[in-house]
Amino acid sequence: NPVSGIKRLFSLRSLVELLKTLAKFLVVGTAAVLL
């Protein structure tokens, strides 16, 4: 169902997954530069 898909896309879980991805990029990137 495309409507359910859009709801999942803009759900709290999707927001959390996006924040986790950005956090991983920042944390791992920073650790890689320092290393």
Full PDB file with SEQRES, HELIX, SHEET, SSBOND, CRYST1, ORIGX, SCALE, CONECT and MASTER records, all heavy atoms in Angstrom:
SEQRES   1 A   35  ASN PRO VAL SER GLY ILE LYS ARG LEU PHE SER LEU ARG          
SEQRES   2 A   35  SER LEU VAL GLU LEU LEU LYS THR LEU ALA LYS PHE LEU          
SEQRES   3 A   35  VAL VAL GLY THR ALA ALA VAL LEU LEU                          
HELIX    1 AA1 PRO A    2  LEU A    9  1                                   8    
HELIX    2 AA2 LEU A   12  LEU A   34  1                                  23    
CRYST1    1.000    1.000    1.000  90.00  90.00  90.00 P 1           1          
ORIGX1      1.000000  0.000000  0.000000        0.00000                         
ORIGX2      0.000000  1.000000  0.000000        0.00000                         
ORIGX3      0.000000  0.000000  1.000000        0.00000                         
SCALE1      1.000000  0.000000  0.000000        0.00000                         
SCALE2      0.000000  1.000000  0.000000        0.00000                         
SCALE3      0.000000  0.000000  1.000000        0.00000                         
ATOM      1  N   ASN A   1       0.842  -1.200   0.000  1.00  0.00           N  
ATOM      2  CA  ASN A   1       0.000   0.000   0.000  1.00  0.00           C  
ATOM      3  C   ASN A   1       0.874   1.245   0.000  1.00  0.00           C  
ATOM      4  O   ASN A   1       1.652   1.465   0.940  1.00  0.00           O  
ATOM      5  CB  ASN A   1      -0.908  -0.019   1.234  1.00  0.00           C  
ATOM      6  CG  ASN A   1      -1.946   1.087   1.189  1.00  0.00           C  
ATOM      7  OD1 ASN A   1      -1.852   2.028   0.391  1.00  0.00           O  
ATOM      8  ND2 ASN A   1      -2.937   0.972   2.056  1.00  0.00           N  
ATOM      9  N   PRO A   2       0.800   2.102  -1.035  1.00  0.00           N  
ATOM     10  CA  PRO A   2       1.658   3.288  -1.080  1.00  0.00           C  
ATOM     11  C   PRO A   2       1.385   4.269   0.054  1.00  0.00           C  
ATOM     12  O   PRO A   2       2.298   4.953   0.524  1.00  0.00           O  
ATOM     13  CB  PRO A   2       1.328   3.910  -2.449  1.00  0.00           C  
ATOM     14  CG  PRO A   2      -0.008   3.346  -2.818  1.00  0.00           C  
ATOM     15  CD  PRO A   2      -0.065   1.981  -2.218  1.00  0.00           C  
ATOM     16  N   VAL A   3       0.131   4.345   0.498  1.00  0.00           N  
ATOM     17  CA  VAL A   3      -0.187   5.257   1.602  1.00  0.00           C  
ATOM     18  C   VAL A   3       0.528   4.817   2.872  1.00  0.00           C  
ATOM     19  O   VAL A   3       1.125   5.634   3.588  1.00  0.00           O  
ATOM     20  CB  VAL A   3      -1.716   5.304   1.829  1.00  0.00           C  
ATOM     21  CG1 VAL A   3      -2.040   6.203   3.027  1.00  0.00           C  
ATOM     22  CG2 VAL A   3      -2.426   5.798   0.577  1.00  0.00           C  
ATOM     23  N   SER A   4       0.492   3.492   3.137  1.00  0.00           N  
ATOM     24  CA  SER A   4       1.201   2.979   4.317  1.00  0.00           C  
ATOM     25  C   SER A   4       2.700   3.192   4.169  1.00  0.00           C  
ATOM     26  O   SER A   4       3.405   3.490   5.152  1.00  0.00           O  
ATOM     27  CB  SER A   4       0.901   1.492   4.503  1.00  0.00           C  
ATOM     28  OG  SER A   4      -0.483   1.281   4.667  1.00  0.00           O  
ATOM     29  N   GLY A   5       3.208   3.060   2.950  1.00  0.00           N  
ATOM     30  CA  GLY A   5       4.633   3.292   2.711  1.00  0.00           C  
ATOM     31  C   GLY A   5       5.032   4.726   3.000  1.00  0.00           C  
ATOM     32  O   GLY A   5       6.099   4.987   3.579  1.00  0.00           O  
ATOM     33  N   ILE A   6       4.188   5.682   2.600  1.00  0.00           N  
ATOM     34  CA  ILE A   6       4.479   7.099   2.871  1.00  0.00           C  
ATOM     35  C   ILE A   6       4.434   7.371   4.375  1.00  0.00           C  
ATOM     36  O   ILE A   6       5.266   8.116   4.909  1.00  0.00           O  
ATOM     37  CB  ILE A   6       3.470   7.994   2.122  1.00  0.00           C  
ATOM     38  CG1 ILE A   6       3.688   7.862   0.613  1.00  0.00           C  
ATOM     39  CG2 ILE A   6       3.612   9.448   2.550  1.00  0.00           C  
ATOM     40  CD1 ILE A   6       2.669   8.593  -0.218  1.00  0.00           C  
ATOM     41  N   LYS A   7       3.461   6.733   5.080  1.00  0.00           N  
ATOM     42  CA  LYS A   7       3.393   6.918   6.526  1.00  0.00           C  
ATOM     43  C   LYS A   7       4.654   6.393   7.200  1.00  0.00           C  
ATOM     44  O   LYS A   7       5.172   6.998   8.140  1.00  0.00           O  
ATOM     45  CB  LYS A   7       2.158   6.201   7.071  1.00  0.00           C  
ATOM     46  CG  LYS A   7       0.841   6.877   6.700  1.00  0.00           C  
ATOM     47  CD  LYS A   7      -0.330   6.124   7.318  1.00  0.00           C  
ATOM     48  CE  LYS A   7      -1.647   6.796   6.975  1.00  0.00           C  
ATOM     49  NZ  LYS A   7      -2.820   6.066   7.558  1.00  0.00           N  
ATOM     50  N   ARG A   8       5.124   5.221   6.729  1.00  0.00           N  
ATOM     51  CA  ARG A   8       6.358   4.676   7.313  1.00  0.00           C  
ATOM     52  C   ARG A   8       7.546   5.574   7.002  1.00  0.00           C  
ATOM     53  O   ARG A   8       8.467   5.707   7.814  1.00  0.00           O  
ATOM     54  CB  ARG A   8       6.620   3.254   6.776  1.00  0.00           C  
ATOM     55  CG  ARG A   8       5.665   2.205   7.312  1.00  0.00           C  
ATOM     56  CD  ARG A   8       6.186   0.809   7.034  1.00  0.00           C  
ATOM     57  NE  ARG A   8       6.316   0.559   5.606  1.00  0.00           N  
ATOM     58  CZ  ARG A   8       5.366   0.019   4.851  1.00  0.00           C  
ATOM     59  NH1 ARG A   8       4.202  -0.312   5.408  1.00  0.00           N  
ATOM     60  NH2 ARG A   8       5.544  -0.191   3.561  1.00  0.00           N  
ATOM     61  N   LEU A   9       7.521   6.207   5.826  1.00  0.00           N  
ATOM     62  CA  LEU A   9       8.637   7.060   5.427  1.00  0.00           C  
ATOM     63  C   LEU A   9       8.765   8.271   6.333  1.00  0.00           C  
ATOM     64  O   LEU A   9       9.873   8.739   6.611  1.00  0.00           O  
ATOM     65  CB  LEU A   9       8.444   7.498   3.970  1.00  0.00           C  
ATOM     66  CG  LEU A   9       9.577   8.297   3.331  1.00  0.00           C  
ATOM     67  CD1 LEU A   9      10.851   7.451   3.285  1.00  0.00           C  
ATOM     68  CD2 LEU A   9       9.189   8.740   1.929  1.00  0.00           C  
ATOM     69  N   PHE A  10       7.627   8.789   6.807  1.00  0.00           N  
ATOM     70  CA  PHE A  10       7.639   9.973   7.656  1.00  0.00           C  
ATOM     71  C   PHE A  10       7.276   9.647   9.108  1.00  0.00           C  
ATOM     72  O   PHE A  10       6.789  10.501   9.833  1.00  0.00           O  
ATOM     73  CB  PHE A  10       6.643  11.017   7.110  1.00  0.00           C  
ATOM     74  CG  PHE A  10       7.041  11.582   5.777  1.00  0.00           C  
ATOM     75  CD1 PHE A  10       6.499  11.065   4.606  1.00  0.00           C  
ATOM     76  CD2 PHE A  10       7.977  12.602   5.694  1.00  0.00           C  
ATOM     77  CE1 PHE A  10       6.872  11.574   3.373  1.00  0.00           C  
ATOM     78  CE2 PHE A  10       8.344  13.117   4.458  1.00  0.00           C  
ATOM     79  CZ  PHE A  10       7.798  12.606   3.296  1.00  0.00           C  
ATOM     80  N   SER A  11       7.553   8.411   9.504  1.00  0.00           N  
ATOM     81  CA  SER A  11       7.254   7.998  10.873  1.00  0.00           C  
ATOM     82  C   SER A  11       8.419   8.315  11.801  1.00  0.00           C  
ATOM     83  O   SER A  11       9.503   8.710  11.366  1.00  0.00           O  
ATOM     84  CB  SER A  11       6.972   6.492  10.905  1.00  0.00           C  
ATOM     85  OG  SER A  11       8.124   5.764  10.517  1.00  0.00           O  
ATOM     86  N   LEU A  12       8.172   8.136  13.093  1.00  0.00           N  
ATOM     87  CA  LEU A  12       9.216   8.357  14.092  1.00  0.00           C  
ATOM     88  C   LEU A  12      10.382   7.417  13.873  1.00  0.00           C  
ATOM     89  O   LEU A  12      11.545   7.804  14.029  1.00  0.00           O  
ATOM     90  CB  LEU A  12       8.629   8.158  15.495  1.00  0.00           C  
ATOM     91  CG  LEU A  12       9.617   8.263  16.665  1.00  0.00           C  
ATOM     92  CD1 LEU A  12      10.255   9.647  16.722  1.00  0.00           C  
ATOM     93  CD2 LEU A  12       8.917   7.934  17.985  1.00  0.00           C  
ATOM     94  N   ARG A  13      10.082   6.172  13.486  1.00  0.00           N  
ATOM     95  CA  ARG A  13      11.155   5.199  13.245  1.00  0.00           C  
ATOM     96  C   ARG A  13      12.068   5.669  12.112  1.00  0.00           C  
ATOM     97  O   ARG A  13      13.299   5.556  12.208  1.00  0.00           O  
ATOM     98  CB  ARG A  13      10.553   3.826  12.916  1.00  0.00           C  
ATOM     99  CG  ARG A  13      11.561   2.796  12.446  1.00  0.00           C  
ATOM    100  CD  ARG A  13      10.899   1.453  12.275  1.00  0.00           C  
ATOM    101  NE  ARG A  13      10.583   0.883  13.563  1.00  0.00           N  
ATOM    102  CZ  ARG A  13      11.449   0.174  14.290  1.00  0.00           C  
ATOM    103  NH1 ARG A  13      12.683  -0.016  13.854  1.00  0.00           N  
ATOM    104  NH2 ARG A  13      11.093  -0.330  15.435  1.00  0.00           N  
ATOM    105  N   SER A  14      11.479   6.187  11.027  1.00  0.00           N  
ATOM    106  CA  SER A  14      12.296   6.669   9.907  1.00  0.00           C  
ATOM    107  C   SER A  14      13.160   7.843  10.339  1.00  0.00           C  
ATOM    108  O   SER A  14      14.329   7.950   9.933  1.00  0.00           O  
ATOM    109  CB  SER A  14      11.383   7.077   8.747  1.00  0.00           C  
ATOM    110  OG  SER A  14      10.634   5.969   8.286  1.00  0.00           O  
ATOM    111  N   LEU A  15      12.591   8.704  11.167  1.00  0.00           N  
ATOM    112  CA  LEU A  15      13.377   9.839  11.667  1.00  0.00           C  
ATOM    113  C   LEU A  15      14.540   9.351  12.522  1.00  0.00           C  
ATOM    114  O   LEU A  15      15.669   9.856  12.396  1.00  0.00           O  
ATOM    115  CB  LEU A  15      12.477  10.765  12.481  1.00  0.00           C  
ATOM    116  CG  LEU A  15      13.159  11.983  13.132  1.00  0.00           C  
ATOM    117  CD1 LEU A  15      13.795  12.877  12.064  1.00  0.00           C  
ATOM    118  CD2 LEU A  15      12.167  12.766  13.974  1.00  0.00           C  
ATOM    119  N   VAL A  16      14.274   8.378  13.365  1.00  0.00           N  
ATOM    120  CA  VAL A  16      15.340   7.839  14.212  1.00  0.00           C  
ATOM    121  C   VAL A  16      16.416   7.172  13.360  1.00  0.00           C  
ATOM    122  O   VAL A  16      17.624   7.322  13.626  1.00  0.00           O  
ATOM    123  CB  VAL A  16      14.756   6.843  15.232  1.00  0.00           C  
ATOM    124  CG1 VAL A  16      15.874   6.117  15.987  1.00  0.00           C  
ATOM    125  CG2 VAL A  16      13.846   7.565  16.213  1.00  0.00           C  
ATOM    126  N   GLU A  17      16.008   6.424  12.326  1.00  0.00           N  
ATOM    127  CA  GLU A  17      16.983   5.777  11.456  1.00  0.00           C  
ATOM    128  C   GLU A  17      17.846   6.814  10.739  1.00  0.00           C  
ATOM    129  O   GLU A  17      19.058   6.636  10.574  1.00  0.00           O  
ATOM    130  CB  GLU A  17      16.260   4.900  10.429  1.00  0.00           C  
ATOM    131  CG  GLU A  17      15.554   3.689  11.012  1.00  0.00           C  
ATOM    132  CD  GLU A  17      16.524   2.713  11.654  1.00  0.00           C  
ATOM    133  OE1 GLU A  17      17.682   2.636  11.189  1.00  0.00           O  
ATOM    134  OE2 GLU A  17      16.134   2.047  12.621  1.00  0.00           O  
ATOM    135  N   LEU A  18      17.219   7.925  10.323  1.00  0.00           N  
ATOM    136  CA  LEU A  18      17.983   8.996   9.668  1.00  0.00           C  
ATOM    137  C   LEU A  18      18.981   9.606  10.636  1.00  0.00           C  
ATOM    138  O   LEU A  18      20.155   9.832  10.284  1.00  0.00           O  
ATOM    139  CB  LEU A  18      17.021  10.066   9.144  1.00  0.00           C  
ATOM    140  CG  LEU A  18      17.678  11.315   8.520  1.00  0.00           C  
ATOM    141  CD1 LEU A  18      18.521  10.921   7.304  1.00  0.00           C  
ATOM    142  CD2 LEU A  18      16.615  12.331   8.141  1.00  0.00           C  
ATOM    143  N   LEU A  19      18.543   9.870  11.857  1.00  0.00           N  
ATOM    144  CA  LEU A  19      19.446  10.439  12.858  1.00  0.00           C  
ATOM    145  C   LEU A  19      20.578   9.469  13.186  1.00  0.00           C  
ATOM    146  O   LEU A  19      21.731   9.899  13.378  1.00  0.00           O  
ATOM    147  CB  LEU A  19      18.657  10.782  14.127  1.00  0.00           C  
ATOM    148  CG  LEU A  19      17.628  11.912  13.986  1.00  0.00           C  
ATOM    149  CD1 LEU A  19      16.870  12.097  15.297  1.00  0.00           C  
ATOM    150  CD2 LEU A  19      18.315  13.220  13.587  1.00  0.00           C  
ATOM    151  N   LYS A  20      20.272   8.182  13.229  1.00  0.00           N  
ATOM    152  CA  LYS A  20      21.334   7.200  13.503  1.00  0.00           C  
ATOM    153  C   LYS A  20      22.348   7.173  12.366  1.00  0.00           C  
ATOM    154  O   LYS A  20      23.557   7.060  12.604  1.00  0.00           O  
ATOM    155  CB  LYS A  20      20.722   5.814  13.698  1.00  0.00           C  
ATOM    156  CG  LYS A  20      20.021   5.627  15.021  1.00  0.00           C  
ATOM    157  CD  LYS A  20      19.731   4.166  15.305  1.00  0.00           C  
ATOM    158  CE  LYS A  20      18.863   3.545  14.243  1.00  0.00           C  
ATOM    159  NZ  LYS A  20      18.523   2.134  14.555  1.00  0.00           N  
ATOM    160  N   THR A  21      21.867   7.268  11.131  1.00  0.00           N  
ATOM    161  CA  THR A  21      22.778   7.260   9.987  1.00  0.00           C  
ATOM    162  C   THR A  21      23.694   8.474  10.014  1.00  0.00           C  
ATOM    163  O   THR A  21      24.912   8.357   9.794  1.00  0.00           O  
ATOM    164  CB  THR A  21      21.969   7.243   8.679  1.00  0.00           C  
ATOM    165  OG1 THR A  21      21.116   6.086   8.672  1.00  0.00           O  
ATOM    166  CG2 THR A  21      22.892   7.188   7.479  1.00  0.00           C  
ATOM    167  N   LEU A  22      23.122   9.650  10.299  1.00  0.00           N  
ATOM    168  CA  LEU A  22      23.942  10.863  10.394  1.00  0.00           C  
ATOM    169  C   LEU A  22      24.923  10.754  11.548  1.00  0.00           C  
ATOM    170  O   LEU A  22      26.093  11.163  11.431  1.00  0.00           O  
ATOM    171  CB  LEU A  22      23.035  12.084  10.574  1.00  0.00           C  
ATOM    172  CG  LEU A  22      22.128  12.431   9.378  1.00  0.00           C  
ATOM    173  CD1 LEU A  22      21.204  13.596   9.740  1.00  0.00           C  
ATOM    174  CD2 LEU A  22      22.964  12.778   8.153  1.00  0.00           C  
ATOM    175  N   ALA A  23      24.455  10.192  12.664  1.00  0.00           N  
ATOM    176  CA  ALA A  23      25.340  10.056  13.826  1.00  0.00           C  
ATOM    177  C   ALA A  23      26.479   9.096  13.523  1.00  0.00           C  
ATOM    178  O   ALA A  23      27.641   9.350  13.887  1.00  0.00           O  
ATOM    179  CB  ALA A  23      24.534   9.561  15.032  1.00  0.00           C  
ATOM    180  N   LYS A  24      26.147   7.994  12.850  1.00  0.00           N  
ATOM    181  CA  LYS A  24      27.216   7.051  12.487  1.00  0.00           C  
ATOM    182  C   LYS A  24      28.241   7.715  11.563  1.00  0.00           C  
ATOM    183  O   LYS A  24      29.451   7.523  11.731  1.00  0.00           O  
ATOM    184  CB  LYS A  24      26.604   5.830  11.795  1.00  0.00           C  
ATOM    185  CG  LYS A  24      25.976   4.840  12.733  1.00  0.00           C  
ATOM    186  CD  LYS A  24      25.663   3.531  12.034  1.00  0.00           C  
ATOM    187  CE  LYS A  24      24.556   3.709  11.021  1.00  0.00           C  
ATOM    188  NZ  LYS A  24      24.162   2.407  10.422  1.00  0.00           N  
ATOM    189  N   PHE A  25      27.740   8.473  10.592  1.00  0.00           N  
ATOM    190  CA  PHE A  25      28.646   9.145   9.662  1.00  0.00           C  
ATOM    191  C   PHE A  25      29.567  10.107  10.409  1.00  0.00           C  
ATOM    192  O   PHE A  25      30.793  10.133  10.181  1.00  0.00           O  
ATOM    193  CB  PHE A  25      27.836   9.889   8.604  1.00  0.00           C  
ATOM    194  CG  PHE A  25      28.682  10.687   7.659  1.00  0.00           C  
ATOM    195  CD1 PHE A  25      29.395  10.081   6.638  1.00  0.00           C  
ATOM    196  CD2 PHE A  25      28.788  12.073   7.811  1.00  0.00           C  
ATOM    197  CE1 PHE A  25      30.201  10.832   5.777  1.00  0.00           C  
ATOM    198  CE2 PHE A  25      29.573  12.822   6.958  1.00  0.00           C  
ATOM    199  CZ  PHE A  25      30.277  12.203   5.941  1.00  0.00           C  
ATOM    200  N   LEU A  26      28.987  10.907  11.310  1.00  0.00           N  
ATOM    201  CA  LEU A  26      29.786  11.891  12.042  1.00  0.00           C  
ATOM    202  C   LEU A  26      30.767  11.209  12.993  1.00  0.00           C  
ATOM    203  O   LEU A  26      31.953  11.576  13.041  1.00  0.00           O  
ATOM    204  CB  LEU A  26      28.865  12.827  12.826  1.00  0.00           C  
ATOM    205  CG  LEU A  26      27.994  13.770  11.978  1.00  0.00           C  
ATOM    206  CD1 LEU A  26      27.041  14.556  12.873  1.00  0.00           C  
ATOM    207  CD2 LEU A  26      28.864  14.721  11.162  1.00  0.00           C  
ATOM    208  N   VAL A  27      30.296  10.230  13.734  1.00  0.00           N  
ATOM    209  CA  VAL A  27      31.147   9.583  14.734  1.00  0.00           C  
ATOM    210  C   VAL A  27      32.255   8.784  14.063  1.00  0.00           C  
ATOM    211  O   VAL A  27      33.450   8.917  14.408  1.00  0.00           O  
ATOM    212  CB  VAL A  27      30.301   8.677  15.649  1.00  0.00           C  
ATOM    213  CG1 VAL A  27      31.201   7.863  16.576  1.00  0.00           C  
ATOM    214  CG2 VAL A  27      29.345   9.515  16.474  1.00  0.00           C  
ATOM    215  N   VAL A  28      31.883   7.956  13.090  1.00  0.00           N  
ATOM    216  CA  VAL A  28      32.894   7.143  12.415  1.00  0.00           C  
ATOM    217  C   VAL A  28      33.835   8.012  11.595  1.00  0.00           C  
ATOM    218  O   VAL A  28      35.053   7.783  11.564  1.00  0.00           O  
ATOM    219  CB  VAL A  28      32.210   6.080  11.521  1.00  0.00           C  
ATOM    220  CG1 VAL A  28      33.242   5.291  10.727  1.00  0.00           C  
ATOM    221  CG2 VAL A  28      31.372   5.131  12.370  1.00  0.00           C  
ATOM    222  N   GLY A  29      33.286   9.039  10.934  1.00  0.00           N  
ATOM    223  CA  GLY A  29      34.146   9.948  10.162  1.00  0.00           C  
ATOM    224  C   GLY A  29      35.147  10.667  11.040  1.00  0.00           C  
ATOM    225  O   GLY A  29      36.333  10.785  10.698  1.00  0.00           O  
ATOM    226  N   THR A  30      34.656  11.156  12.196  1.00  0.00           N  
ATOM    227  CA  THR A  30      35.567  11.839  13.122  1.00  0.00           C  
ATOM    228  C   THR A  30      36.639  10.890  13.631  1.00  0.00           C  
ATOM    229  O   THR A  30      37.832  11.236  13.707  1.00  0.00           O  
ATOM    230  CB  THR A  30      34.764  12.404  14.305  1.00  0.00           C  
ATOM    231  OG1 THR A  30      33.768  13.306  13.815  1.00  0.00           O  
ATOM    232  CG2 THR A  30      35.682  13.142  15.270  1.00  0.00           C  
ATOM    233  N   ALA A  31      36.216   9.650  13.993  1.00  0.00           N  
ATOM    234  CA  ALA A  31      37.189   8.674  14.473  1.00  0.00           C  
ATOM    235  C   ALA A  31      38.196   8.325  13.385  1.00  0.00           C  
ATOM    236  O   ALA A  31      39.400   8.160  13.668  1.00  0.00           O  
ATOM    237  CB  ALA A  31      36.461   7.413  14.934  1.00  0.00           C  
ATOM    238  N   ALA A  32      37.744   8.246  12.120  1.00  0.00           N  
ATOM    239  CA  ALA A  32      38.661   7.922  11.023  1.00  0.00           C  
ATOM    240  C   ALA A  32      39.688   9.034  10.803  1.00  0.00           C  
ATOM    241  O   ALA A  32      40.878   8.758  10.595  1.00  0.00           O  
ATOM    242  CB  ALA A  32      37.859   7.689   9.744  1.00  0.00           C  
ATOM    243  N   VAL A  33      39.238  10.276  10.858  1.00  0.00           N  
ATOM    244  CA  VAL A  33      40.163  11.406  10.676  1.00  0.00           C  
ATOM    245  C   VAL A  33      41.202  11.421  11.788  1.00  0.00           C  
ATOM    246  O   VAL A  33      42.413  11.563  11.542  1.00  0.00           O  
ATOM    247  CB  VAL A  33      39.374  12.728  10.629  1.00  0.00           C  
ATOM    248  CG1 VAL A  33      40.344  13.910  10.673  1.00  0.00           C  
ATOM    249  CG2 VAL A  33      38.520  12.794   9.373  1.00  0.00           C  
ATOM    250  N   LEU A  34      40.753  11.277  13.028  1.00  0.00           N  
ATOM    251  CA  LEU A  34      41.686  11.287  14.154  1.00  0.00           C  
ATOM    252  C   LEU A  34      42.654  10.113  14.081  1.00  0.00           C  
ATOM    253  O   LEU A  34      43.852  10.250  14.381  1.00  0.00           O  
ATOM    254  CB  LEU A  34      40.913  11.234  15.473  1.00  0.00           C  
ATOM    255  CG  LEU A  34      40.037  12.460  15.787  1.00  0.00           C  
ATOM    256  CD1 LEU A  34      39.243  12.241  17.081  1.00  0.00           C  
ATOM    257  CD2 LEU A  34      40.897  13.722  15.898  1.00  0.00           C  
ATOM    258  N   LEU A  35      42.146   8.950  13.651  1.00  0.00           N  
ATOM    259  CA  LEU A  35      42.999   7.773  13.564  1.00  0.00           C  
ATOM    260  C   LEU A  35      44.037   7.926  12.450  1.00  0.00           C  
ATOM    261  O   LEU A  35      45.218   7.560  12.630  1.00  0.00           O  
ATOM    262  CB  LEU A  35      42.137   6.528  13.319  1.00  0.00           C  
ATOM    263  CG  LEU A  35      42.870   5.182  13.355  1.00  0.00           C  
ATOM    264  CD1 LEU A  35      43.460   4.919  14.726  1.00  0.00           C  
ATOM    265  CD2 LEU A  35      41.903   4.051  12.977  1.00  0.00           C  
TER     266      LEU A  35                                                      
MASTER        0    0    0    2    0    0    0    6  265    1    0    3          
END                                                                             
